[in-house]
Amino acid sequence: MSVLKVIEVLANSTTGWEDAAQAAINEACKTLENVRSVYIVDQSATVADGKITEYRITCKISFELWQ
Protein backbone atom coordinates (compact mmCIF):
# COMPACT_ATOMS: atom_id res chain seq x y z
CA MET A 1 0.00 0.00 0.00
CA SER A 2 1.27 3.47 -0.82
CA VAL A 3 0.06 6.93 0.16
CA LEU A 4 0.19 9.80 -2.33
CA LYS A 5 -0.25 13.53 -1.85
CA VAL A 6 -1.38 15.97 -4.56
CA ILE A 7 -0.40 19.63 -4.79
CA GLU A 8 -1.53 22.27 -7.26
CA VAL A 9 1.17 24.25 -9.04
CA LEU A 10 1.17 27.14 -11.52
CA ALA A 11 4.02 27.41 -14.04
CA ASN A 12 4.89 29.44 -17.12
CA SER A 13 7.23 29.40 -20.10
CA THR A 14 8.00 31.53 -23.12
CA THR A 15 8.57 28.35 -25.17
CA GLY A 16 5.39 26.26 -24.83
CA TRP A 17 2.97 24.40 -22.58
CA GLU A 18 5.16 21.30 -22.48
CA ASP A 19 8.08 23.42 -21.30
CA ALA A 20 5.87 24.97 -18.61
CA ALA A 21 4.91 21.48 -17.42
CA GLN A 22 8.55 20.43 -17.29
CA ALA A 23 9.39 23.61 -15.36
CA ALA A 24 6.71 22.74 -12.80
CA ILE A 25 8.17 19.24 -12.39
CA ASN A 26 11.73 20.56 -12.18
CA GLU A 27 10.83 22.95 -9.38
CA ALA A 28 8.71 20.40 -7.52
CA CYS A 29 11.54 17.85 -7.61
CA LYS A 30 13.84 20.32 -5.86
CA THR A 31 11.88 19.91 -2.63
CA LEU A 32 9.76 16.77 -3.13
CA GLU A 33 10.83 13.16 -3.39
CA ASN A 34 9.08 10.39 -5.29
CA VAL A 35 7.15 12.58 -7.75
CA ARG A 36 4.85 10.21 -9.64
CA SER A 37 2.64 12.17 -12.04
CA VAL A 38 1.50 15.51 -13.38
CA TYR A 39 -2.06 16.29 -14.47
CA ILE A 40 -2.59 19.45 -16.51
CA VAL A 41 -5.75 21.11 -15.19
CA ASP A 42 -5.75 24.29 -17.29
CA GLN A 43 -3.76 26.01 -20.03
CA SER A 44 -3.69 29.69 -20.95
CA ALA A 45 -1.43 32.17 -22.70
CA THR A 46 -0.69 35.87 -22.73
CA VAL A 47 -0.69 37.71 -26.05
CA ALA A 48 1.08 40.88 -27.16
CA ASP A 49 1.00 42.35 -30.67
CA GLY A 50 -0.94 39.34 -31.94
CA LYS A 51 1.64 36.79 -30.73
CA ILE A 52 1.77 34.46 -27.75
CA THR A 53 4.35 35.76 -25.31
CA GLU A 54 3.89 33.39 -22.40
CA TYR A 55 2.37 29.93 -21.96
CA ARG A 56 0.81 29.17 -18.58
CA ILE A 57 -0.43 25.99 -16.96
CA THR A 58 -2.15 24.95 -13.79
CA CYS A 59 -1.25 21.39 -12.87
CA LYS A 60 -1.62 18.84 -10.11
CA ILE A 61 1.53 16.99 -9.12
CA SER A 62 1.32 13.76 -7.13
CA PHE A 63 4.13 12.38 -5.03
CA GLU A 64 4.46 9.36 -2.82
CA LEU A 65 4.63 9.94 0.94
CA TRP A 66 5.40 6.33 1.82
CA GLN A 67 4.97 2.80 0.59
PDB file of N, CA and C in Angstrom:
ATOM      1  N   MET A   1       0.848  -1.179   0.000  1.00  0.00           N
ATOM      2  CA  MET A   1       0.000   0.000   0.000  1.00  0.00           C
ATOM      3  C   MET A   1       0.890   1.238   0.000  1.00  0.00           C
ATOM      4  N   SER A   2       0.518   2.214  -0.801  1.00  0.00           N
ATOM      5  CA  SER A   2       1.267   3.472  -0.817  1.00  0.00           C
ATOM      6  C   SER A   2       0.308   4.627  -0.608  1.00  0.00           C
ATOM      7  N   VAL A   3       0.851   5.724  -0.095  1.00  0.00           N
ATOM      8  CA  VAL A   3       0.065   6.929   0.156  1.00  0.00           C
ATOM      9  C   VAL A   3       0.648   8.047  -0.694  1.00  0.00           C
ATOM     10  N   LEU A   4      -0.226   8.706  -1.469  1.00  0.00           N
ATOM     11  CA  LEU A   4       0.187   9.803  -2.333  1.00  0.00           C
ATOM     12  C   LEU A   4      -0.430  11.103  -1.857  1.00  0.00           C
ATOM     13  N   LYS A   5       0.275  12.195  -2.122  1.00  0.00           N
ATOM     14  CA  LYS A   5      -0.254  13.530  -1.848  1.00  0.00           C
ATOM     15  C   LYS A   5      -0.276  14.282  -3.171  1.00  0.00           C
ATOM     16  N   VAL A   6      -1.242  15.180  -3.334  1.00  0.00           N
ATOM     17  CA  VAL A   6      -1.380  15.966  -4.556  1.00  0.00           C
ATOM     18  C   VAL A   6      -1.308  17.440  -4.201  1.00  0.00           C
ATOM     19  N   ILE A   7      -0.482  18.177  -4.960  1.00  0.00           N
ATOM     20  CA  ILE A   7      -0.400  19.626  -4.788  1.00  0.00           C
ATOM     21  C   ILE A   7      -0.750  20.289  -6.119  1.00  0.00           C
ATOM     22  N   GLU A   8      -1.222  21.513  -6.047  1.00  0.00           N
ATOM     23  CA  GLU A   8      -1.531  22.267  -7.260  1.00  0.00           C
ATOM     24  C   GLU A   8      -0.440  23.303  -7.476  1.00  0.00           C
ATOM     25  N   VAL A   9       0.044  23.388  -8.710  1.00  0.00           N
ATOM     26  CA  VAL A   9       1.171  24.252  -9.042  1.00  0.00           C
ATOM     27  C   VAL A   9       0.836  25.054 -10.295  1.00  0.00           C
ATOM     28  N   LEU A  10       1.277  26.302 -10.331  1.00  0.00           N
ATOM     29  CA  LEU A  10       1.175  27.144 -11.518  1.00  0.00           C
ATOM     30  C   LEU A  10       2.579  27.301 -12.087  1.00  0.00           C
ATOM     31  N   ALA A  11       2.709  27.247 -13.410  1.00  0.00           N
ATOM     32  CA  ALA A  11       4.018  27.408 -14.043  1.00  0.00           C
ATOM     33  C   ALA A  11       3.854  28.132 -15.372  1.00  0.00           C
ATOM     34  N   ASN A  12       4.949  28.728 -15.844  1.00  0.00           N
ATOM     35  CA  ASN A  12       4.887  29.436 -17.118  1.00  0.00           C
ATOM     36  C   ASN A  12       6.175  29.220 -17.905  1.00  0.00           C
ATOM     37  N   SER A  13       6.098  29.531 -19.194  1.00  0.00           N
ATOM     38  CA  SER A  13       7.231  29.396 -20.098  1.00  0.00           C
ATOM     39  C   SER A  13       7.023  30.307 -21.292  1.00  0.00           C
ATOM     40  N   THR A  14       8.102  30.761 -21.874  1.00  0.00           N
ATOM     41  CA  THR A  14       7.999  31.529 -23.120  1.00  0.00           C
ATOM     42  C   THR A  14       8.119  30.605 -24.328  1.00  0.00           C
ATOM     43  N   THR A  15       8.361  29.316 -24.094  1.00  0.00           N
ATOM     44  CA  THR A  15       8.571  28.345 -25.171  1.00  0.00           C
ATOM     45  C   THR A  15       7.313  27.571 -25.548  1.00  0.00           C
ATOM     46  N   GLY A  16       6.584  27.057 -24.539  1.00  0.00           N
ATOM     47  CA  GLY A  16       5.386  26.265 -24.833  1.00  0.00           C
ATOM     48  C   GLY A  16       4.813  25.647 -23.580  1.00  0.00           C
ATOM     49  N   TRP A  17       3.628  25.024 -23.715  1.00  0.00           N
ATOM     50  CA  TRP A  17       2.966  24.402 -22.578  1.00  0.00           C
ATOM     51  C   TRP A  17       3.759  23.220 -22.040  1.00  0.00           C
ATOM     52  N   GLU A  18       4.359  22.442 -22.938  1.00  0.00           N
ATOM     53  CA  GLU A  18       5.164  21.304 -22.482  1.00  0.00           C
ATOM     54  C   GLU A  18       6.338  21.775 -21.639  1.00  0.00           C
ATOM     55  N   ASP A  19       6.960  22.858 -22.044  1.00  0.00           N
ATOM     56  CA  ASP A  19       8.083  23.420 -21.297  1.00  0.00           C
ATOM     57  C   ASP A  19       7.620  23.937 -19.936  1.00  0.00           C
ATOM     58  N   ALA A  20       6.426  24.503 -19.890  1.00  0.00           N
ATOM     59  CA  ALA A  20       5.871  24.966 -18.614  1.00  0.00           C
ATOM     60  C   ALA A  20       5.624  23.786 -17.683  1.00  0.00           C
ATOM     61  N   ALA A  21       5.124  22.677 -18.228  1.00  0.00           N
ATOM     62  CA  ALA A  21       4.905  21.476 -17.416  1.00  0.00           C
ATOM     63  C   ALA A  21       6.227  20.942 -16.886  1.00  0.00           C
ATOM     64  N   GLN A  22       7.246  20.912 -17.728  1.00  0.00           N
ATOM     65  CA  GLN A  22       8.555  20.434 -17.285  1.00  0.00           C
ATOM     66  C   GLN A  22       9.143  21.357 -16.221  1.00  0.00           C
ATOM     67  N   ALA A  23       8.917  22.657 -16.367  1.00  0.00           N
ATOM     68  CA  ALA A  23       9.394  23.613 -15.359  1.00  0.00           C
ATOM     69  C   ALA A  23       8.720  23.358 -14.010  1.00  0.00           C
ATOM     70  N   ALA A  24       7.434  23.046 -14.041  1.00  0.00           N
ATOM     71  CA  ALA A  24       6.712  22.736 -12.800  1.00  0.00           C
ATOM     72  C   ALA A  24       7.301  21.497 -12.137  1.00  0.00           C
ATOM     73  N   ILE A  25       7.579  20.467 -12.925  1.00  0.00           N
ATOM     74  CA  ILE A  25       8.170  19.240 -12.388  1.00  0.00           C
ATOM     75  C   ILE A  25       9.576  19.502 -11.868  1.00  0.00           C
ATOM     76  N   ASN A  26      10.365  20.253 -12.619  1.00  0.00           N
ATOM     77  CA  ASN A  26      11.734  20.555 -12.183  1.00  0.00           C
ATOM     78  C   ASN A  26      11.745  21.250 -10.824  1.00  0.00           C
ATOM     79  N   GLU A  27      10.876  22.221 -10.656  1.00  0.00           N
ATOM     80  CA  GLU A  27      10.826  22.947  -9.381  1.00  0.00           C
ATOM     81  C   GLU A  27      10.296  22.068  -8.260  1.00  0.00           C
ATOM     82  N   ALA A  28       9.277  21.279  -8.549  1.00  0.00           N
ATOM     83  CA  ALA A  28       8.707  20.400  -7.524  1.00  0.00           C
ATOM     84  C   ALA A  28       9.744  19.387  -7.048  1.00  0.00           C
ATOM     85  N   CYS A  29      10.540  18.866  -7.968  1.00  0.00           N
ATOM     86  CA  CYS A  29      11.537  17.848  -7.612  1.00  0.00           C
ATOM     87  C   CYS A  29      12.683  18.411  -6.774  1.00  0.00           C
ATOM     88  N   LYS A  30      12.806  19.722  -6.719  1.00  0.00           N
ATOM     89  CA  LYS A  30      13.836  20.322  -5.865  1.00  0.00           C
ATOM     90  C   LYS A  30      13.534  20.117  -4.386  1.00  0.00           C
ATOM     91  N   THR A  31      12.251  20.038  -4.038  1.00  0.00           N
ATOM     92  CA  THR A  31      11.876  19.907  -2.628  1.00  0.00           C
ATOM     93  C   THR A  31      11.065  18.657  -2.320  1.00  0.00           C
ATOM     94  N   LEU A  32      10.573  17.970  -3.341  1.00  0.00           N
ATOM     95  CA  LEU A  32       9.764  16.771  -3.130  1.00  0.00           C
ATOM     96  C   LEU A  32      10.508  15.538  -3.623  1.00  0.00           C
ATOM     97  N   GLU A  33      10.293  14.436  -2.935  1.00  0.00           N
ATOM     98  CA  GLU A  33      10.830  13.160  -3.385  1.00  0.00           C
ATOM     99  C   GLU A  33       9.689  12.307  -3.934  1.00  0.00           C
ATOM    100  N   ASN A  34      10.033  11.372  -4.776  1.00  0.00           N
ATOM    101  CA  ASN A  34       9.076  10.387  -5.285  1.00  0.00           C
ATOM    102  C   ASN A  34       7.908  10.999  -6.055  1.00  0.00           C
ATOM    103  N   VAL A  35       8.190  12.000  -6.895  1.00  0.00           N
ATOM    104  CA  VAL A  35       7.148  12.577  -7.748  1.00  0.00           C
ATOM    105  C   VAL A  35       6.697  11.502  -8.728  1.00  0.00           C
ATOM    106  N   ARG A  36       5.391  11.299  -8.842  1.00  0.00           N
ATOM    107  CA  ARG A  36       4.850  10.205  -9.641  1.00  0.00           C
ATOM    108  C   ARG A  36       4.112  10.636 -10.903  1.00  0.00           C
ATOM    109  N   SER A  37       3.413  11.789 -10.854  1.00  0.00           N
ATOM    110  CA  SER A  37       2.640  12.170 -12.040  1.00  0.00           C
ATOM    111  C   SER A  37       2.335  13.659 -12.037  1.00  0.00           C
ATOM    112  N   VAL A  38       1.965  14.131 -13.218  1.00  0.00           N
ATOM    113  CA  VAL A  38       1.502  15.513 -13.376  1.00  0.00           C
ATOM    114  C   VAL A  38       0.225  15.469 -14.214  1.00  0.00           C
ATOM    115  N   TYR A  39      -0.784  16.209 -13.765  1.00  0.00           N
ATOM    116  CA  TYR A  39      -2.062  16.290 -14.471  1.00  0.00           C
ATOM    117  C   TYR A  39      -2.295  17.757 -14.801  1.00  0.00           C
ATOM    118  N   ILE A  40      -2.384  18.076 -16.079  1.00  0.00           N
ATOM    119  CA  ILE A  40      -2.593  19.453 -16.510  1.00  0.00           C
ATOM    120  C   ILE A  40      -4.070  19.783 -16.367  1.00  0.00           C
ATOM    121  N   VAL A  41      -4.370  20.722 -15.481  1.00  0.00           N
ATOM    122  CA  VAL A  41      -5.745  21.111 -15.193  1.00  0.00           C
ATOM    123  C   VAL A  41      -6.224  22.185 -16.164  1.00  0.00           C
ATOM    124  N   ASP A  42      -5.345  23.152 -16.477  1.00  0.00           N
ATOM    125  CA  ASP A  42      -5.750  24.293 -17.289  1.00  0.00           C
ATOM    126  C   ASP A  42      -4.540  24.826 -18.051  1.00  0.00           C
ATOM    127  N   GLN A  43      -4.793  25.377 -19.226  1.00  0.00           N
ATOM    128  CA  GLN A  43      -3.758  26.014 -20.028  1.00  0.00           C
ATOM    129  C   GLN A  43      -4.256  27.389 -20.444  1.00  0.00           C
ATOM    130  N   SER A  44      -3.348  28.362 -20.456  1.00  0.00           N
ATOM    131  CA  SER A  44      -3.686  29.691 -20.953  1.00  0.00           C
ATOM    132  C   SER A  44      -2.422  30.330 -21.508  1.00  0.00           C
ATOM    133  N   ALA A  45      -2.584  31.470 -22.132  1.00  0.00           N
ATOM    134  CA  ALA A  45      -1.430  32.167 -22.701  1.00  0.00           C
ATOM    135  C   ALA A  45      -1.676  33.665 -22.663  1.00  0.00           C
ATOM    136  N   THR A  46      -0.593  34.415 -22.603  1.00  0.00           N
ATOM    137  CA  THR A  46      -0.688  35.868 -22.730  1.00  0.00           C
ATOM    138  C   THR A  46      -0.298  36.236 -24.156  1.00  0.00           C
ATOM    139  N   VAL A  47      -0.896  37.301 -24.662  1.00  0.00           N
ATOM    140  CA  VAL A  47      -0.691  37.713 -26.045  1.00  0.00           C
ATOM    141  C   VAL A  47      -0.304  39.182 -26.085  1.00  0.00           C
ATOM    142  N   ALA A  48       0.688  39.498 -26.919  1.00  0.00           N
ATOM    143  CA  ALA A  48       1.084  40.882 -27.163  1.00  0.00           C
ATOM    144  C   ALA A  48       1.358  41.040 -28.654  1.00  0.00           C
ATOM    145  N   ASP A  49       0.821  42.074 -29.238  1.00  0.00           N
ATOM    146  CA  ASP A  49       0.998  42.351 -30.667  1.00  0.00           C
ATOM    147  C   ASP A  49       0.620  41.161 -31.543  1.00  0.00           C
ATOM    148  N   GLY A  50      -0.441  40.445 -31.152  1.00  0.00           N
ATOM    149  CA  GLY A  50      -0.939  39.336 -31.941  1.00  0.00           C
ATOM    150  C   GLY A  50      -0.130  38.055 -31.833  1.00  0.00           C
ATOM    151  N   LYS A  51       0.819  37.989 -30.889  1.00  0.00           N
ATOM    152  CA  LYS A  51       1.640  36.785 -30.733  1.00  0.00           C
ATOM    153  C   LYS A  51       1.630  36.327 -29.282  1.00  0.00           C
ATOM    154  N   ILE A  52       1.692  35.008 -29.104  1.00  0.00           N
ATOM    155  CA  ILE A  52       1.767  34.459 -27.749  1.00  0.00           C
ATOM    156  C   ILE A  52       3.129  34.798 -27.164  1.00  0.00           C
ATOM    157  N   THR A  53       3.109  35.386 -25.973  1.00  0.00           N
ATOM    158  CA  THR A  53       4.355  35.761 -25.311  1.00  0.00           C
ATOM    159  C   THR A  53       4.674  34.892 -24.108  1.00  0.00           C
ATOM    160  N   GLU A  54       3.660  34.248 -23.555  1.00  0.00           N
ATOM    161  CA  GLU A  54       3.892  33.390 -22.396  1.00  0.00           C
ATOM    162  C   GLU A  54       2.827  32.304 -22.335  1.00  0.00           C
ATOM    163  N   TYR A  55       3.257  31.080 -22.107  1.00  0.00           N
ATOM    164  CA  TYR A  55       2.374  29.930 -21.957  1.00  0.00           C
ATOM    165  C   TYR A  55       2.254  29.634 -20.469  1.00  0.00           C
ATOM    166  N   ARG A  56       1.038  29.415 -19.998  1.00  0.00           N
ATOM    167  CA  ARG A  56       0.807  29.169 -18.578  1.00  0.00           C
ATOM    168  C   ARG A  56       0.007  27.894 -18.380  1.00  0.00           C
ATOM    169  N   ILE A  57       0.340  27.180 -17.305  1.00  0.00           N
ATOM    170  CA  ILE A  57      -0.428  25.986 -16.958  1.00  0.00           C
ATOM    171  C   ILE A  57      -0.751  25.991 -15.466  1.00  0.00           C
ATOM    172  N   THR A  58      -1.830  25.329 -15.156  1.00  0.00           N
ATOM    173  CA  THR A  58      -2.149  24.946 -13.786  1.00  0.00           C
ATOM    174  C   THR A  58      -2.117  23.427 -13.797  1.00  0.00           C
ATOM    175  N   CYS A  59      -1.363  22.841 -12.869  1.00  0.00           N
ATOM    176  CA  CYS A  59      -1.251  21.389 -12.865  1.00  0.00           C
ATOM    177  C   CYS A  59      -1.314  20.840 -11.448  1.00  0.00           C
ATOM    178  N   LYS A  60      -1.632  19.561 -11.376  1.00  0.00           N
ATOM    179  CA  LYS A  60      -1.616  18.837 -10.110  1.00  0.00           C
ATOM    180  C   LYS A  60      -0.478  17.831 -10.184  1.00  0.00           C
ATOM    181  N   ILE A  61       0.380  17.877  -9.181  1.00  0.00           N
ATOM    182  CA  ILE A  61       1.527  16.985  -9.116  1.00  0.00           C
ATOM    183  C   ILE A  61       1.322  16.037  -7.945  1.00  0.00           C
ATOM    184  N   SER A  62       1.461  14.745  -8.217  1.00  0.00           N
ATOM    185  CA  SER A  62       1.317  13.762  -7.132  1.00  0.00           C
ATOM    186  C   SER A  62       2.697  13.209  -6.793  1.00  0.00           C
ATOM    187  N   PHE A  63       2.877  12.970  -5.492  1.00  0.00           N
ATOM    188  CA  PHE A  63       4.125  12.380  -5.027  1.00  0.00           C
ATOM    189  C   PHE A  63       3.816  11.401  -3.889  1.00  0.00           C
ATOM    190  N   GLU A  64       4.678  10.422  -3.784  1.00  0.00           N
ATOM    191  CA  GLU A  64       4.460   9.355  -2.821  1.00  0.00           C
ATOM    192  C   GLU A  64       5.018   9.756  -1.449  1.00  0.00           C
ATOM    193  N   LEU A  65       4.185   9.651  -0.424  1.00  0.00           N
ATOM    194  CA  LEU A  65       4.634   9.945   0.939  1.00  0.00           C
ATOM    195  C   LEU A  65       5.348   8.753   1.537  1.00  0.00           C
ATOM    196  N   TRP A  66       4.759   7.568   1.366  1.00  0.00           N
ATOM    197  CA  TRP A  66       5.398   6.328   1.816  1.00  0.00           C
ATOM    198  C   TRP A  66       4.739   5.135   1.143  1.00  0.00           C
ATOM    199  N   GLN A  67       5.468   4.037   1.199  1.00  0.00           N
ATOM    200  CA  GLN A  67       4.971   2.796   0.593  1.00  0.00           C
ATOM    201  C   GLN A  67       4.575   1.804   1.637  1.00  0.00           C
TER     202      GLN A  67
END
